[in-house]
Amino acid sequence: MHANKPEENMSDTTTPHWTQRLRARWGLESVFQVLMVLLVFSLTGMSVVVVKEPFFQLIGLTQETSTWVKWTVYILAIFPIYQVLLLVYALLLGQFSFFWAYEKKTLGRLARLFSRKS
C-alpha cells in the first residue's frame, strides 16, 4: 500500500487562513477587501486617539477632571466622532457600502439596547 504524502493530507485538515475566515464572515469578495476594511478600522482607531486629547482640552477637561466625567464625555462625544471617521475613511478607501451596512447594524443594536423595557 502506498502511503499518502503528509502534504496531501494537510490541505484537507487545515483551517482557512485568517483572511479567508474574515472574508467569509464579513461577506467580502476578496482578501484585498478584507485588508482594506482592516485598514479603515486601524486608521479610524488611530485618528480617535489623536483627536481625543485636543478635543478634551478644547472643552476644558484636564488631568484633574474626574474619570467618570472623562468617560461620559468620551462615550457621548468621541463615539459619534469615531462613527463619522469610520465612514469618511471607508469612503476614501472604497469600502463605504460595507461600512454603511456595518453602521446601520451597530446603531440598530444600540437602539434595541436602549429601547428594552425593564
N, C-alpha and C. Protein backbone atom coordinates (compact mmCIF):
# COMPACT_ATOMS: atom_id res chain seq x y z
N MET A 1 0.82 -1.19 0.00
CA MET A 1 0.00 0.00 0.00
C MET A 1 0.85 1.24 0.00
N HIS A 2 0.47 2.17 -0.78
CA HIS A 2 1.21 3.42 -0.88
C HIS A 2 0.64 4.43 0.10
N ALA A 3 1.47 4.97 0.98
CA ALA A 3 1.01 5.96 1.96
C ALA A 3 0.97 7.34 1.30
N ASN A 4 -0.05 8.11 1.65
CA ASN A 4 -0.14 9.48 1.12
C ASN A 4 0.95 10.34 1.72
N LYS A 5 1.38 11.28 0.94
CA LYS A 5 2.37 12.23 1.45
C LYS A 5 1.70 13.12 2.49
N PRO A 6 2.42 13.55 3.53
CA PRO A 6 1.83 14.42 4.56
C PRO A 6 1.28 15.72 3.98
N GLU A 7 1.90 16.24 2.93
CA GLU A 7 1.45 17.50 2.34
C GLU A 7 0.05 17.36 1.76
N GLU A 8 -0.25 16.19 1.19
CA GLU A 8 -1.56 15.97 0.58
C GLU A 8 -2.66 15.96 1.64
N ASN A 9 -2.41 15.35 2.77
CA ASN A 9 -3.40 15.26 3.83
C ASN A 9 -3.58 16.58 4.58
N MET A 10 -2.53 17.37 4.64
CA MET A 10 -2.60 18.62 5.39
C MET A 10 -3.63 19.57 4.80
N SER A 11 -3.77 19.60 3.50
CA SER A 11 -4.71 20.54 2.89
C SER A 11 -6.15 20.21 3.26
N ASP A 12 -6.43 18.96 3.59
CA ASP A 12 -7.78 18.57 3.97
C ASP A 12 -8.11 18.92 5.41
N THR A 13 -7.11 19.03 6.27
CA THR A 13 -7.37 19.21 7.69
C THR A 13 -7.02 20.59 8.23
N THR A 14 -6.39 21.41 7.43
CA THR A 14 -6.01 22.72 7.93
C THR A 14 -7.19 23.67 7.90
N THR A 15 -7.15 24.63 8.80
CA THR A 15 -8.20 25.65 8.82
C THR A 15 -7.85 26.74 7.82
N PRO A 16 -8.85 27.44 7.33
CA PRO A 16 -8.57 28.50 6.36
C PRO A 16 -7.73 29.61 7.00
N HIS A 17 -7.00 30.28 6.17
CA HIS A 17 -6.20 31.43 6.60
C HIS A 17 -7.12 32.46 7.24
N TRP A 18 -6.64 33.21 8.21
CA TRP A 18 -7.49 34.17 8.94
C TRP A 18 -8.14 35.17 8.01
N THR A 19 -7.46 35.54 6.93
CA THR A 19 -8.08 36.48 5.99
C THR A 19 -9.25 35.84 5.26
N GLN A 20 -9.15 34.55 4.98
CA GLN A 20 -10.25 33.84 4.34
C GLN A 20 -11.45 33.72 5.29
N ARG A 21 -11.16 33.49 6.57
CA ARG A 21 -12.25 33.41 7.56
C ARG A 21 -12.96 34.75 7.68
N LEU A 22 -12.19 35.86 7.71
CA LEU A 22 -12.82 37.18 7.78
C LEU A 22 -13.60 37.49 6.51
N ARG A 23 -13.06 37.11 5.38
CA ARG A 23 -13.75 37.34 4.11
C ARG A 23 -15.11 36.65 4.12
N ALA A 24 -15.14 35.41 4.57
CA ALA A 24 -16.39 34.66 4.63
C ALA A 24 -17.34 35.25 5.68
N ARG A 25 -16.82 35.59 6.83
CA ARG A 25 -17.66 36.12 7.92
C ARG A 25 -18.29 37.45 7.54
N TRP A 26 -17.51 38.32 6.91
CA TRP A 26 -17.99 39.65 6.57
C TRP A 26 -18.66 39.69 5.19
N GLY A 27 -18.63 38.61 4.46
CA GLY A 27 -19.24 38.57 3.14
C GLY A 27 -18.52 39.44 2.13
N LEU A 28 -17.21 39.46 2.20
CA LEU A 28 -16.41 40.28 1.30
C LEU A 28 -15.98 39.47 0.09
N GLU A 29 -15.62 40.16 -0.96
CA GLU A 29 -15.31 39.50 -2.22
C GLU A 29 -13.87 39.02 -2.36
N SER A 30 -12.94 39.66 -1.63
CA SER A 30 -11.54 39.31 -1.81
C SER A 30 -10.75 39.56 -0.53
N VAL A 31 -9.56 38.98 -0.50
CA VAL A 31 -8.65 39.22 0.62
C VAL A 31 -8.22 40.68 0.62
N PHE A 32 -8.07 41.27 -0.57
CA PHE A 32 -7.73 42.69 -0.65
C PHE A 32 -8.80 43.53 0.06
N GLN A 33 -10.06 43.21 -0.14
CA GLN A 33 -11.13 43.95 0.52
C GLN A 33 -11.06 43.76 2.04
N VAL A 34 -10.72 42.57 2.50
CA VAL A 34 -10.52 42.34 3.94
C VAL A 34 -9.45 43.28 4.47
N LEU A 35 -8.34 43.36 3.74
CA LEU A 35 -7.24 44.22 4.18
C LEU A 35 -7.66 45.69 4.17
N MET A 36 -8.45 46.10 3.22
CA MET A 36 -8.93 47.49 3.18
C MET A 36 -9.86 47.77 4.36
N VAL A 37 -10.72 46.83 4.70
CA VAL A 37 -11.62 47.00 5.85
C VAL A 37 -10.80 47.11 7.13
N LEU A 38 -9.79 46.26 7.28
CA LEU A 38 -8.93 46.33 8.46
C LEU A 38 -8.18 47.65 8.51
N LEU A 39 -7.77 48.16 7.35
CA LEU A 39 -7.10 49.45 7.28
C LEU A 39 -8.03 50.57 7.72
N VAL A 40 -9.29 50.51 7.29
CA VAL A 40 -10.27 51.52 7.72
C VAL A 40 -10.41 51.51 9.24
N PHE A 41 -10.56 50.32 9.82
CA PHE A 41 -10.67 50.22 11.28
C PHE A 41 -9.42 50.77 11.96
N SER A 42 -8.26 50.45 11.42
CA SER A 42 -6.99 50.91 12.01
C SER A 42 -6.85 52.42 11.95
N LEU A 43 -7.09 52.98 10.79
CA LEU A 43 -6.97 54.44 10.63
C LEU A 43 -7.96 55.18 11.53
N THR A 44 -9.17 54.65 11.64
CA THR A 44 -10.17 55.28 12.48
C THR A 44 -9.75 55.24 13.94
N GLY A 45 -9.29 54.10 14.39
CA GLY A 45 -8.83 53.97 15.78
C GLY A 45 -7.67 54.90 16.09
N MET A 46 -6.71 54.97 15.19
CA MET A 46 -5.57 55.86 15.40
C MET A 46 -6.00 57.32 15.39
N SER A 47 -6.93 57.66 14.53
CA SER A 47 -7.41 59.04 14.46
C SER A 47 -8.12 59.46 15.74
N VAL A 48 -8.91 58.56 16.30
CA VAL A 48 -9.61 58.87 17.55
C VAL A 48 -8.60 59.10 18.67
N VAL A 49 -7.54 58.32 18.71
CA VAL A 49 -6.51 58.51 19.72
C VAL A 49 -5.87 59.89 19.57
N VAL A 50 -5.63 60.30 18.33
CA VAL A 50 -5.02 61.60 18.07
C VAL A 50 -5.98 62.74 18.40
N VAL A 51 -7.25 62.57 18.12
CA VAL A 51 -8.26 63.63 18.29
C VAL A 51 -8.69 63.79 19.74
N LYS A 52 -8.63 62.73 20.51
CA LYS A 52 -9.19 62.73 21.87
C LYS A 52 -8.60 63.83 22.76
N GLU A 53 -7.31 63.90 22.89
CA GLU A 53 -6.69 64.87 23.81
C GLU A 53 -6.97 66.32 23.40
N PRO A 54 -6.76 66.69 22.14
CA PRO A 54 -7.09 68.08 21.76
C PRO A 54 -8.57 68.39 21.98
N PHE A 55 -9.44 67.43 21.74
CA PHE A 55 -10.87 67.63 21.96
C PHE A 55 -11.15 67.85 23.45
N PHE A 56 -10.54 67.02 24.30
CA PHE A 56 -10.71 67.20 25.74
C PHE A 56 -10.20 68.57 26.19
N GLN A 57 -9.06 69.00 25.67
CA GLN A 57 -8.52 70.32 26.02
C GLN A 57 -9.45 71.42 25.53
N LEU A 58 -9.99 71.27 24.35
CA LEU A 58 -10.89 72.27 23.77
C LEU A 58 -12.12 72.49 24.64
N ILE A 59 -12.65 71.44 25.22
CA ILE A 59 -13.85 71.59 26.04
C ILE A 59 -13.53 71.78 27.53
N GLY A 60 -12.23 71.87 27.85
CA GLY A 60 -11.82 72.22 29.21
C GLY A 60 -11.57 71.07 30.17
N LEU A 61 -11.46 69.86 29.66
CA LEU A 61 -11.14 68.74 30.54
C LEU A 61 -9.64 68.71 30.78
N THR A 62 -9.25 68.51 32.03
CA THR A 62 -7.84 68.48 32.41
C THR A 62 -7.52 67.18 33.14
N GLN A 63 -6.28 67.06 33.58
CA GLN A 63 -5.86 65.90 34.38
C GLN A 63 -6.67 65.81 35.67
N GLU A 64 -7.08 66.96 36.18
CA GLU A 64 -7.82 66.99 37.44
C GLU A 64 -9.29 66.62 37.29
N THR A 65 -9.79 66.61 36.08
CA THR A 65 -11.18 66.24 35.83
C THR A 65 -11.38 64.78 36.21
N SER A 66 -12.48 64.50 36.90
CA SER A 66 -12.72 63.13 37.36
C SER A 66 -12.88 62.16 36.19
N THR A 67 -12.51 60.94 36.46
CA THR A 67 -12.52 59.90 35.44
C THR A 67 -13.93 59.66 34.90
N TRP A 68 -14.93 59.68 35.77
CA TRP A 68 -16.29 59.40 35.29
C TRP A 68 -16.77 60.49 34.33
N VAL A 69 -16.33 61.74 34.54
CA VAL A 69 -16.69 62.81 33.61
C VAL A 69 -16.00 62.58 32.27
N LYS A 70 -14.73 62.21 32.30
CA LYS A 70 -14.00 61.94 31.06
C LYS A 70 -14.64 60.79 30.29
N TRP A 71 -15.01 59.73 30.98
CA TRP A 71 -15.63 58.59 30.32
C TRP A 71 -16.99 58.97 29.73
N THR A 72 -17.75 59.76 30.47
CA THR A 72 -19.05 60.19 29.96
C THR A 72 -18.88 61.02 28.69
N VAL A 73 -17.96 61.97 28.73
CA VAL A 73 -17.70 62.80 27.54
C VAL A 73 -17.18 61.94 26.41
N TYR A 74 -16.31 61.00 26.74
CA TYR A 74 -15.75 60.12 25.72
C TYR A 74 -16.86 59.36 25.01
N ILE A 75 -17.76 58.79 25.77
CA ILE A 75 -18.84 58.00 25.18
C ILE A 75 -19.79 58.89 24.38
N LEU A 76 -20.14 60.04 24.94
CA LEU A 76 -21.12 60.91 24.27
C LEU A 76 -20.55 61.68 23.08
N ALA A 77 -19.26 61.97 23.09
CA ALA A 77 -18.67 62.79 22.03
C ALA A 77 -17.76 61.99 21.10
N ILE A 78 -16.85 61.23 21.67
CA ILE A 78 -15.87 60.54 20.85
C ILE A 78 -16.50 59.38 20.07
N PHE A 79 -17.47 58.69 20.65
CA PHE A 79 -18.13 57.59 19.94
C PHE A 79 -18.75 58.07 18.63
N PRO A 80 -19.52 59.16 18.62
CA PRO A 80 -20.04 59.65 17.33
C PRO A 80 -18.93 60.11 16.38
N ILE A 81 -17.89 60.71 16.91
CA ILE A 81 -16.76 61.12 16.07
C ILE A 81 -16.15 59.88 15.40
N TYR A 82 -16.01 58.80 16.16
CA TYR A 82 -15.49 57.54 15.62
C TYR A 82 -16.36 57.06 14.46
N GLN A 83 -17.67 57.10 14.65
CA GLN A 83 -18.59 56.62 13.62
C GLN A 83 -18.44 57.44 12.33
N VAL A 84 -18.32 58.75 12.48
CA VAL A 84 -18.16 59.62 11.30
C VAL A 84 -16.82 59.36 10.62
N LEU A 85 -15.75 59.27 11.41
CA LEU A 85 -14.44 58.99 10.83
C LEU A 85 -14.42 57.64 10.11
N LEU A 86 -15.10 56.67 10.68
CA LEU A 86 -15.17 55.35 10.06
C LEU A 86 -15.76 55.46 8.65
N LEU A 87 -16.83 56.22 8.52
CA LEU A 87 -17.45 56.38 7.20
C LEU A 87 -16.58 57.20 6.25
N VAL A 88 -15.88 58.20 6.78
CA VAL A 88 -15.00 59.01 5.93
C VAL A 88 -13.87 58.16 5.37
N TYR A 89 -13.20 57.41 6.25
CA TYR A 89 -12.12 56.54 5.76
C TYR A 89 -12.66 55.46 4.82
N ALA A 90 -13.83 54.93 5.13
CA ALA A 90 -14.44 53.92 4.26
C ALA A 90 -14.69 54.49 2.87
N LEU A 91 -15.19 55.71 2.82
CA LEU A 91 -15.44 56.36 1.53
C LEU A 91 -14.12 56.56 0.77
N LEU A 92 -13.11 57.04 1.47
CA LEU A 92 -11.81 57.29 0.82
C LEU A 92 -11.15 56.01 0.31
N LEU A 93 -11.39 54.90 1.00
CA LEU A 93 -10.75 53.64 0.63
C LEU A 93 -11.67 52.69 -0.13
N GLY A 94 -12.81 53.21 -0.57
CA GLY A 94 -13.69 52.42 -1.41
C GLY A 94 -14.47 51.33 -0.70
N GLN A 95 -14.70 51.48 0.58
CA GLN A 95 -15.41 50.46 1.34
C GLN A 95 -16.68 51.00 1.98
N PHE A 96 -17.24 52.06 1.41
CA PHE A 96 -18.37 52.73 2.04
C PHE A 96 -19.58 51.81 2.20
N SER A 97 -19.90 51.02 1.19
CA SER A 97 -21.10 50.17 1.28
C SER A 97 -20.99 49.17 2.42
N PHE A 98 -19.81 48.58 2.60
CA PHE A 98 -19.60 47.65 3.72
C PHE A 98 -19.81 48.37 5.04
N PHE A 99 -19.20 49.54 5.19
CA PHE A 99 -19.27 50.24 6.47
C PHE A 99 -20.62 50.90 6.71
N TRP A 100 -21.32 51.28 5.67
CA TRP A 100 -22.66 51.83 5.84
C TRP A 100 -23.57 50.73 6.42
N ALA A 101 -23.47 49.53 5.88
CA ALA A 101 -24.24 48.39 6.42
C ALA A 101 -23.80 48.09 7.85
N TYR A 102 -22.50 48.16 8.11
CA TYR A 102 -21.95 47.93 9.45
C TYR A 102 -22.50 48.96 10.44
N GLU A 103 -22.52 50.22 10.03
CA GLU A 103 -23.04 51.31 10.88
C GLU A 103 -24.52 51.11 11.20
N LYS A 104 -25.29 50.77 10.18
CA LYS A 104 -26.73 50.57 10.40
C LYS A 104 -26.96 49.42 11.38
N LYS A 105 -26.17 48.36 11.25
CA LYS A 105 -26.30 47.22 12.16
C LYS A 105 -25.90 47.62 13.58
N THR A 106 -24.78 48.33 13.72
CA THR A 106 -24.30 48.75 15.03
C THR A 106 -25.30 49.70 15.70
N LEU A 107 -25.76 50.69 14.97
CA LEU A 107 -26.70 51.65 15.55
C LEU A 107 -28.04 51.00 15.85
N GLY A 108 -28.45 50.03 15.05
CA GLY A 108 -29.66 49.28 15.34
C GLY A 108 -29.55 48.50 16.64
N ARG A 109 -28.40 47.89 16.86
CA ARG A 109 -28.17 47.16 18.12
C ARG A 109 -28.20 48.10 19.31
N LEU A 110 -27.60 49.26 19.17
CA LEU A 110 -27.62 50.26 20.25
C LEU A 110 -29.04 50.72 20.53
N ALA A 111 -29.80 50.96 19.49
CA ALA A 111 -31.18 51.40 19.66
C ALA A 111 -32.00 50.34 20.40
N ARG A 112 -31.82 49.07 20.03
CA ARG A 112 -32.54 48.00 20.72
C ARG A 112 -32.10 47.89 22.18
N LEU A 113 -30.83 48.10 22.43
CA LEU A 113 -30.32 48.03 23.79
C LEU A 113 -30.98 49.08 24.68
N PHE A 114 -31.12 50.30 24.15
CA PHE A 114 -31.69 51.38 24.95
C PHE A 114 -33.21 51.40 24.93
N SER A 115 -33.82 50.66 24.02
CA SER A 115 -35.28 50.66 23.95
C SER A 115 -35.92 49.50 24.72
N ARG A 116 -35.11 48.61 25.28
CA ARG A 116 -35.64 47.48 26.06
C ARG A 116 -36.35 47.99 27.30
N LYS A 117 -37.46 47.41 27.56
CA LYS A 117 -38.21 47.78 28.75
C LYS A 117 -37.85 46.84 29.88
N SER A 118 -37.60 47.41 31.03
CA SER A 118 -37.20 46.59 32.20
C SER A 118 -38.40 46.07 32.93
